[in-house]
C-alpha atoms as a PDB file:
ATOM      1  CA  MET A   1     -29.305 129.522 103.057  1.00  0.00           C
ATOM      2  CA  LYS A   2     -25.770 130.320 101.968  1.00  0.00           C
ATOM      3  CA  LYS A   3     -27.140 132.746  99.418  1.00  0.00           C
ATOM      4  CA  LEU A   4     -29.282 134.429 102.095  1.00  0.00           C
ATOM      5  CA  PHE A   5     -26.279 134.878 104.344  1.00  0.00           C
ATOM      6  CA  LEU A   6     -24.254 136.520 101.550  1.00  0.00           C
ATOM      7  CA  ILE A   7     -27.088 138.939 100.806  1.00  0.00           C
ATOM      8  CA  LEU A   8     -27.411 140.036 104.435  1.00  0.00           C
ATOM      9  CA  PHE A   9     -23.652 140.293 104.772  1.00  0.00           C
ATOM     10  CA  GLY A  10     -23.506 142.545 101.722  1.00  0.00           C
ATOM     11  CA  LEU A  11     -26.253 144.750 103.089  1.00  0.00           C
ATOM     12  CA  MET A  12     -24.395 145.187 106.375  1.00  0.00           C
ATOM     13  CA  ILE A  13     -21.217 146.203 104.539  1.00  0.00           C
ATOM     14  CA  CYS A  14     -23.143 148.786 102.522  1.00  0.00           C
ATOM     15  CA  LEU A  15     -24.724 150.309 105.650  1.00  0.00           C
ATOM     16  CA  SER A  16     -21.370 150.412 107.425  1.00  0.00           C
ATOM     17  CA  ALA A  17     -19.759 152.143 104.485  1.00  0.00           C
ATOM     18  CA  VAL A  18     -22.474 154.748 104.379  1.00  0.00           C
ATOM     19  CA  SER A  19     -22.174 155.390 108.117  1.00  0.00           C
ATOM     20  CA  PHE A  20     -18.429 155.800 107.777  1.00  0.00           C
ATOM     21  CA  ALA A  21     -18.746 158.337 104.944  1.00  0.00           C
ATOM     22  CA  GLN A  22     -21.809 160.164 106.351  1.00  0.00           C
ATOM     23  CA  GLU A  23     -19.895 163.161 107.703  1.00  0.00           C
ATOM     24  CA  GLU A  24     -18.171 163.787 104.371  1.00  0.00           C
ATOM     25  CA  LEU A  25     -21.362 163.841 102.234  1.00  0.00           C
ATOM     26  CA  THR A  26     -23.476 166.920 101.449  1.00  0.00           C
ATOM     27  CA  LYS A  27     -27.138 166.880 102.352  1.00  0.00           C
ATOM     28  CA  GLU A  28     -28.121 166.220  98.714  1.00  0.00           C
ATOM     29  CA  GLU A  29     -25.537 163.434  98.320  1.00  0.00           C
ATOM     30  CA  TRP A  30     -26.691 161.919 101.554  1.00  0.00           C
ATOM     31  CA  GLN A  31     -30.315 161.972 100.421  1.00  0.00           C
ATOM     32  CA  ASN A  32     -29.428 160.356  97.102  1.00  0.00           C
ATOM     33  CA  GLU A  33     -27.419 157.645  98.853  1.00  0.00           C
ATOM     34  CA  MET A  34     -30.298 156.938 101.234  1.00  0.00           C
ATOM     35  CA  THR A  35     -32.688 156.653  98.312  1.00  0.00           C
ATOM     36  CA  ARG A  36     -30.347 154.228  96.558  1.00  0.00           C
ATOM     37  CA  LEU A  37     -29.919 152.109  99.647  1.00  0.00           C
ATOM     38  CA  THR A  38     -33.643 152.105 100.326  1.00  0.00           C
ATOM     39  CA  ASP A  39     -34.283 150.815  96.821  1.00  0.00           C
ATOM     40  CA  GLN A  40     -31.539 148.229  97.254  1.00  0.00           C
ATOM     41  CA  LYS A  41     -33.050 147.155 100.549  1.00  0.00           C
ATOM     42  CA  ALA A  42     -36.438 146.690  98.923  1.00  0.00           C
ATOM     43  CA  SER A  43     -34.849 144.627  96.147  1.00  0.00           C
ATOM     44  CA  LEU A  44     -32.948 142.485  98.637  1.00  0.00           C
ATOM     45  CA  SER A  45     -36.082 142.007 100.717  1.00  0.00           C
ATOM     46  CA  THR A  46     -37.936 140.791  97.654  1.00  0.00           C
ATOM     47  CA  GLU A  47     -35.140 138.367  96.833  1.00  0.00           C
ATOM     48  CA  LEU A  48     -35.054 137.222 100.456  1.00  0.00           C
ATOM     49  CA  ASP A  49     -38.796 136.511 100.395  1.00  0.00           C
ATOM     50  CA  ALA A  50     -38.298 134.468  97.210  1.00  0.00           C
ATOM     51  CA  ILE A  51     -35.522 132.434  98.859  1.00  0.00           C
ATOM     52  CA  LYS A  52     -37.695 131.806 101.907  1.00  0.00           C
ATOM     53  CA  ALA A  53     -40.484 130.594  99.631  1.00  0.00           C
ATOM     54  CA  ASP A  54     -38.045 128.208  97.869  1.00  0.00           C
ATOM     55  CA  VAL A  55     -36.853 126.845 101.219  1.00  0.00           C
ATOM     56  CA  THR A  56     -40.432 126.260 102.344  1.00  0.00           C
ATOM     57  CA  LYS A  57     -41.233 124.534  99.070  1.00  0.00           C
ATOM     58  CA  LEU A  58     -38.212 122.249  99.395  1.00  0.00           C
ATOM     59  CA  ARG A  59     -39.130 121.357 102.964  1.00  0.00           C
ATOM     60  CA  ASN A  60     -42.625 120.372 101.840  1.00  0.00           C
ATOM     61  CA  THR A  61     -41.375 118.376  98.848  1.00  0.00           C
ATOM     62  CA  LYS A  62     -41.559 114.618  99.333  1.00  0.00           C
ATOM     63  CA  VAL A  63     -38.202 113.048  98.446  1.00  0.00           C
ATOM     64  CA  GLN A  64     -38.448 109.598  96.854  1.00  0.00           C
ATOM     65  CA  THR A  65     -36.430 106.780  98.356  1.00  0.00           C
ATOM     66  CA  VAL A  66     -34.065 104.733  96.220  1.00  0.00           C
ATOM     67  CA  GLU A  67     -36.475 101.835  96.465  1.00  0.00           C
ATOM     68  CA  ASP A  68     -39.357 103.979  95.182  1.00  0.00           C
ATOM     69  CA  CYS A  69     -37.222 105.146  92.269  1.00  0.00           C
ATOM     70  CA  MET A  70     -36.288 101.566  91.357  1.00  0.00           C
ATOM     71  CA  ASP A  71     -39.929 100.454  91.498  1.00  0.00           C
ATOM     72  CA  GLU A  72     -40.826 103.300  89.173  1.00  0.00           C
ATOM     73  CA  LEU A  73     -38.034 102.298  86.803  1.00  0.00           C
ATOM     74  CA  TYR A  74     -39.158  98.647  86.814  1.00  0.00           C
ATOM     75  CA  ALA A  75     -42.721  99.711  86.087  1.00  0.00           C
ATOM     76  CA  MET A  76     -41.513 101.436  82.913  1.00  0.00           C
ATOM     77  CA  VAL A  77     -40.610  98.022  81.453  1.00  0.00           C
ATOM     78  CA  GLY A  78     -43.689  96.318  82.856  1.00  0.00           C
ATOM     79  CA  ALA A  79     -41.862  94.394  85.577  1.00  0.00           C
ATOM     80  CA  ASN A  80     -41.728  94.079  89.344  1.00  0.00           C
ATOM     81  CA  LYS A  81     -38.992  93.034  91.776  1.00  0.00           C
ATOM     82  CA  ALA A  82     -39.722  89.327  91.335  1.00  0.00           C
ATOM     83  CA  ASP A  83     -39.465  89.654  87.532  1.00  0.00           C
ATOM     84  CA  ILE A  84     -36.159  91.488  87.808  1.00  0.00           C
ATOM     85  CA  GLU A  85     -34.722  88.892  90.181  1.00  0.00           C
ATOM     86  CA  ALA A  86     -35.777  86.046  87.874  1.00  0.00           C
ATOM     87  CA  TYR A  87     -34.252  87.820  84.861  1.00  0.00           C
ATOM     88  CA  ARG A  88     -31.035  88.514  86.789  1.00  0.00           C
ATOM     89  CA  LYS A  89     -30.782  84.792  87.559  1.00  0.00           C
ATOM     90  CA  GLN A  90     -31.339  83.850  83.895  1.00  0.00           C
ATOM     91  CA  VAL A  91     -28.585  86.225  82.795  1.00  0.00           C
ATOM     92  CA  ALA A  92     -26.126  84.789  85.333  1.00  0.00           C
ATOM     93  CA  GLU A  93     -26.921  81.190  84.359  1.00  0.00           C
ATOM     94  CA  LEU A  94     -26.582  81.826  80.629  1.00  0.00           C
ATOM     95  CA  ASN A  95     -23.370  83.780  81.087  1.00  0.00           C
ATOM     96  CA  GLY A  96     -21.956  80.807  83.024  1.00  0.00           C
ATOM     97  CA  LYS A  97     -22.894  78.435  80.201  1.00  0.00           C
ATOM     98  CA  ILE A  98     -21.212  80.679  77.636  1.00  0.00           C
ATOM     99  CA  MET A  99     -18.028  80.949  79.732  1.00  0.00           C
ATOM    100  CA  ARG A 100     -17.936  77.156  80.185  1.00  0.00           C
ATOM    101  CA  LYS A 101     -18.932  76.551  76.539  1.00  0.00           C
ATOM    102  CA  GLU A 102     -21.659  74.294  77.823  1.00  0.00           C
ATOM    103  CA  GLY A 103     -24.035  72.964  75.175  1.00  0.00           C
ATOM    104  CA  THR A 104     -24.059  74.114  71.555  1.00  0.00           C
ATOM    105  CA  LYS A 105     -23.345  77.610  70.328  1.00  0.00           C
ATOM    106  CA  ALA A 106     -26.650  77.704  68.450  1.00  0.00           C
ATOM    107  CA  ASP A 107     -28.679  76.818  71.534  1.00  0.00           C
ATOM    108  CA  LEU A 108     -26.915  79.431  73.645  1.00  0.00           C
ATOM    109  CA  GLN A 109     -27.449  82.064  70.954  1.00  0.00           C
ATOM    110  CA  ALA A 110     -31.164  81.268  70.971  1.00  0.00           C
ATOM    111  CA  GLU A 111     -31.257  81.731  74.761  1.00  0.00           C
ATOM    112  CA  LEU A 112     -29.386  85.033  74.481  1.00  0.00           C
ATOM    113  CA  ASP A 113     -31.723  86.292  71.763  1.00  0.00           C
ATOM    114  CA  ALA A 114     -34.687  85.545  74.037  1.00  0.00           C
ATOM    115  CA  LEU A 115     -33.080  87.596  76.832  1.00  0.00           C
ATOM    116  CA  LYS A 116     -32.495  90.476  74.412  1.00  0.00           C
ATOM    117  CA  LYS A 117     -36.153  90.543  73.383  1.00  0.00           C
ATOM    118  CA  ASN A 118     -37.265  90.950  76.989  1.00  0.00           C
ATOM    119  CA  LYS A 119     -37.938  94.625  77.810  1.00  0.00           C
ATOM    120  CA  ILE A 120     -36.066  94.176  81.077  1.00  0.00           C
ATOM    121  CA  SER A 121     -32.824  94.028  79.064  1.00  0.00           C
ATOM    122  CA  ALA A 122     -33.222  97.792  78.469  1.00  0.00           C
ATOM    123  CA  LEU A 123     -32.549  98.541  82.141  1.00  0.00           C
ATOM    124  CA  PRO A 124     -29.060  99.971  82.838  1.00  0.00           C
ATOM    125  CA  GLU A 125     -28.174  96.963  84.995  1.00  0.00           C
ATOM    126  CA  PHE A 126     -28.563  94.542  82.088  1.00  0.00           C
ATOM    127  CA  PHE A 127     -28.241  96.385  78.767  1.00  0.00           C
ATOM    128  CA  ASP A 128     -24.474  96.282  78.228  1.00  0.00           C
ATOM    129  CA  LYS A 129     -24.143  92.796  79.729  1.00  0.00           C
ATOM    130  CA  VAL A 130     -26.867  91.212  77.590  1.00  0.00           C
ATOM    131  CA  HIS A 131     -26.571  93.135  74.327  1.00  0.00           C
ATOM    132  CA  ASN A 132     -22.802  93.582  74.200  1.00  0.00           C
ATOM    133  CA  GLN A 133     -20.602  91.609  76.608  1.00  0.00           C
ATOM    134  CA  MET A 134     -22.337  88.216  76.373  1.00  0.00           C
ATOM    135  CA  GLN A 135     -22.742  88.525  72.611  1.00  0.00           C
ATOM    136  CA  ARG A 136     -19.025  89.247  72.200  1.00  0.00           C
ATOM    137  CA  SER A 137     -18.157  86.198  74.307  1.00  0.00           C
ATOM    138  CA  LEU A 138     -20.453  84.043  72.213  1.00  0.00           C
ATOM    139  CA  ASP A 139     -19.073  85.413  68.937  1.00  0.00           C
ATOM    140  CA  ALA A 140     -15.525  84.629  70.092  1.00  0.00           C
ATOM    141  CA  TRP A 141     -16.427  80.989  70.699  1.00  0.00           C
ATOM    142  CA  VAL A 142     -15.084  78.900  67.823  1.00  0.00           C
ATOM    143  CA  GLU A 143     -17.122  75.732  68.023  1.00  0.00           C
ATOM    144  CA  ALA A 144     -15.296  72.513  67.163  1.00  0.00           C
ATOM    145  CA  PRO A 145     -16.904  70.346  64.482  1.00  0.00           C
ATOM    146  CA  LYS A 146     -19.144  67.624  65.863  1.00  0.00           C
ATOM    147  CA  GLU A 147     -17.072  65.009  64.054  1.00  0.00           C
ATOM    148  CA  ILE A 148     -14.169  64.745  61.639  1.00  0.00           C
ATOM    149  CA  MET A 149     -13.448  62.121  59.012  1.00  0.00           C
ATOM    150  CA  TYR A 150     -10.342  59.941  58.974  1.00  0.00           C
ATOM    151  CA  THR A 151      -9.045  57.661  56.222  1.00  0.00           C
ATOM    152  CA  VAL A 152      -7.403  54.474  57.490  1.00  0.00           C
ATOM    153  CA  VAL A 153      -3.832  53.811  56.337  1.00  0.00           C
ATOM    154  CA  LYS A 154      -1.761  50.654  56.435  1.00  0.00           C
ATOM    155  CA  GLY A 155      -0.706  49.725  59.967  1.00  0.00           C
ATOM    156  CA  ASP A 156      -3.587  51.559  61.660  1.00  0.00           C
ATOM    157  CA  CYS A 157      -5.657  50.184  64.518  1.00  0.00           C
ATOM    158  CA  LEU A 158      -8.452  51.783  66.518  1.00  0.00           C
ATOM    159  CA  TRP A 159      -6.127  52.126  69.513  1.00  0.00           C
ATOM    160  CA  ASN A 160      -3.596  54.180  67.531  1.00  0.00           C
ATOM    161  CA  ILE A 161      -6.263  56.231  65.754  1.00  0.00           C
ATOM    162  CA  ALA A 162      -7.788  57.263  69.112  1.00  0.00           C
ATOM    163  CA  LYS A 163      -4.284  58.011  70.395  1.00  0.00           C
ATOM    164  CA  LYS A 164      -3.646  60.708  67.755  1.00  0.00           C
ATOM    165  CA  LYS A 165      -3.480  64.245  69.175  1.00  0.00           C
ATOM    166  CA  GLU A 166      -5.881  65.556  66.557  1.00  0.00           C
ATOM    167  CA  HIS A 167      -8.425  62.947  67.690  1.00  0.00           C
ATOM    168  CA  TYR A 168      -8.627  62.080  71.407  1.00  0.00           C
ATOM    169  CA  ALA A 169      -4.977  61.877  72.468  1.00  0.00           C
ATOM    170  CA  ASN A 170      -6.120  58.881  74.497  1.00  0.00           C
ATOM    171  CA  PRO A 171      -5.978  55.323  73.092  1.00  0.00           C
ATOM    172  CA  PHE A 172      -8.543  54.115  75.652  1.00  0.00           C
ATOM    173  CA  ALA A 173     -11.207  56.104  73.786  1.00  0.00           C
ATOM    174  CA  TRP A 174     -11.101  53.727  70.810  1.00  0.00           C
ATOM    175  CA  PRO A 175     -14.614  52.288  71.585  1.00  0.00           C
ATOM    176  CA  LYS A 176     -16.081  55.687  70.613  1.00  0.00           C
ATOM    177  CA  ILE A 177     -14.721  55.263  67.081  1.00  0.00           C
ATOM    178  CA  TYR A 178     -15.898  51.654  66.963  1.00  0.00           C
ATOM    179  CA  GLN A 179     -19.444  52.559  68.005  1.00  0.00           C
ATOM    180  CA  ALA A 180     -19.623  55.434  65.506  1.00  0.00           C
ATOM    181  CA  ASN A 181     -18.593  53.203  62.604  1.00  0.00           C
ATOM    182  CA  ARG A 182     -20.333  49.882  63.301  1.00  0.00           C
ATOM    183  CA  ASP A 183     -21.633  49.898  59.721  1.00  0.00           C
ATOM    184  CA  GLN A 184     -18.037  49.433  58.514  1.00  0.00           C
ATOM    185  CA  ILE A 185     -16.340  47.677  61.432  1.00  0.00           C
ATOM    186  CA  LYS A 186     -17.481  44.124  62.053  1.00  0.00           C
ATOM    187  CA  ASN A 187     -14.495  43.232  64.231  1.00  0.00           C
ATOM    188  CA  PRO A 188     -12.667  46.057  66.085  1.00  0.00           C
ATOM    189  CA  ASP A 189      -9.409  44.145  65.592  1.00  0.00           C
ATOM    190  CA  LEU A 190      -9.849  44.177  61.829  1.00  0.00           C
ATOM    191  CA  ILE A 191      -9.883  47.484  59.945  1.00  0.00           C
ATOM    192  CA  TYR A 192      -8.612  48.088  56.436  1.00  0.00           C
ATOM    193  CA  PRO A 193      -6.739  50.804  54.534  1.00  0.00           C
ATOM    194  CA  LYS A 194      -8.908  53.386  52.713  1.00  0.00           C
ATOM    195  CA  GLN A 195     -11.846  52.885  55.067  1.00  0.00           C
ATOM    196  CA  ILE A 196     -13.209  56.301  56.082  1.00  0.00           C
ATOM    197  CA  PHE A 197     -14.216  56.553  59.738  1.00  0.00           C
ATOM    198  CA  LYS A 198     -16.163  59.225  61.584  1.00  0.00           C
ATOM    199  CA  ILE A 199     -14.326  60.543  64.639  1.00  0.00           C
ATOM    200  CA  PRO A 200     -17.044  62.147  66.796  1.00  0.00           C
ATOM    201  CA  ASN A 201     -16.348  64.504  69.691  1.00  0.00           C
ATOM    202  CA  LEU A 202     -16.273  63.073  73.180  1.00  0.00           C
ATOM    203  CA  THR A 203     -18.741  64.395  75.708  1.00  0.00           C
ATOM    204  CA  GLU A 204     -17.300  65.728  78.971  1.00  0.00           C
ATOM    205  CA  GLU A 205     -18.567  62.595  80.692  1.00  0.00           C
ATOM    206  CA  GLU A 206     -16.908  60.296  78.133  1.00  0.00           C
ATOM    207  CA  LYS A 207     -13.669  62.251  78.275  1.00  0.00           C
ATOM    208  CA  ALA A 208     -13.593  61.889  82.069  1.00  0.00           C
ATOM    209  CA  LYS A 209     -14.328  58.172  81.801  1.00  0.00           C
ATOM    210  CA  TYR A 210     -11.520  57.439  79.337  1.00  0.00           C
ATOM    211  CA  ASP A 211      -9.061  59.687  81.177  1.00  0.00           C
ATOM    212  CA  LYS A 212      -9.765  57.671  84.319  1.00  0.00           C
ATOM    213  CA  LEU A 213      -9.159  54.399  82.465  1.00  0.00           C
ATOM    214  CA  ARG A 214      -5.817  55.682  81.234  1.00  0.00           C
ATOM    215  CA  ALA A 215      -4.813  56.911  84.689  1.00  0.00           C
ATOM    216  CA  ASN A 216      -5.660  53.560  86.319  1.00  0.00           C
ATOM    217  CA  TYR A 217      -4.031  51.428  83.633  1.00  0.00           C
ATOM    218  CA  LYS A 218      -1.180  49.282  84.831  1.00  0.00           C
ATOM    219  CA  PRO A 219       0.622  47.270  82.151  1.00  0.00           C
ATOM    220  CA  ALA A 220       1.004  43.569  82.843  1.00  0.00           C
ATOM    221  CA  PRO A 221       4.441  42.596  84.221  1.00  0.00           C
ATOM    222  CA  VAL A 222       6.834  41.156  81.673  1.00  0.00           C
ATOM    223  CA  THR A 223       7.307  37.406  82.143  1.00  0.00           C
ATOM    224  CA  PRO A 224      11.034  36.590  81.987  1.00  0.00           C
ATOM    225  CA  THR A 225      12.106  34.031  79.361  1.00  0.00           C
ATOM    226  CA  LYS A 226      14.376  31.085  80.112  1.00  0.00           C
ATOM    227  CA  GLN A 227      17.203  32.929  78.434  1.00  0.00           C
ATOM    228  CA  ASP A 228      16.674  35.894  80.812  1.00  0.00           C
ATOM    229  CA  GLU A 229      16.704  33.508  83.804  1.00  0.00           C
ATOM    230  CA  VAL A 230      20.032  32.089  82.749  1.00  0.00           C
ATOM    231  CA  LYS A 231      21.528  35.559  82.529  1.00  0.00           C
END
C-alpha cells in the first residue's frame, strides 16, 4: 500500500507540473508531453493492477500459526508434542546428573549417546545442548578412581589411615577399609607394616553417615588422678 501511495503521489506531481508549464509550451511540445504522460499513466495503471492483485493474494493466503509451524517441524523428525515433552524431560534429567556427577561417567556417556541418536536431537531446541554443551561438561569431568592402594607403615592403624586427607579425612570411616580388606585383616586392631590395603571410595550415603558420627562424637571426660586432686 505504501508503494501504491508513492505511485499516485508521483503521478499527481507530474500532472501539476504539466499544468503549470502548459502556457509556455508550443502545440507540438504539448502534444508530445501529453503522449508521454499518457504512456506513463498506462504503465502506472498496469503496475497498480499488479499491486492490487498481490494485495488480494496476500489477503487470501492462510497464515500458519506458531503452533502449526511447530507441529510441522516435529513431524519432520517423526515426533509429536508428547514425544518432544518426554525428550525434553530426559535431557533435563541427564543434564542434572552430569552437573551433580551422579553415577559413573561411563553410564552417563551411554545415556547421552542414546539422546544423540534420537532424531529429535536435531531440532534447534536440543541440538547444541545435547551434542555440544552436555558433552563438554561430561568431558570435563575427571572421574576419581574407584579405589586406591595403600601400603601400611609402622605405627599405622585403621583410624589414622582413614583420617588421611588423601583417603577420607575422617577417622570414623575406618570400617570401610576394614570391610574392603577382610581377606588380610582378621582383627581391626592388628594390622602390620607392608600390608597393602584397598581404599575404596565412599558413597554419598556413607560419607554422610560418617560425617554425622564425627559431628556427634563427644570424647569421654578425663578422670582426674589422685595427684591432680591433691593439686
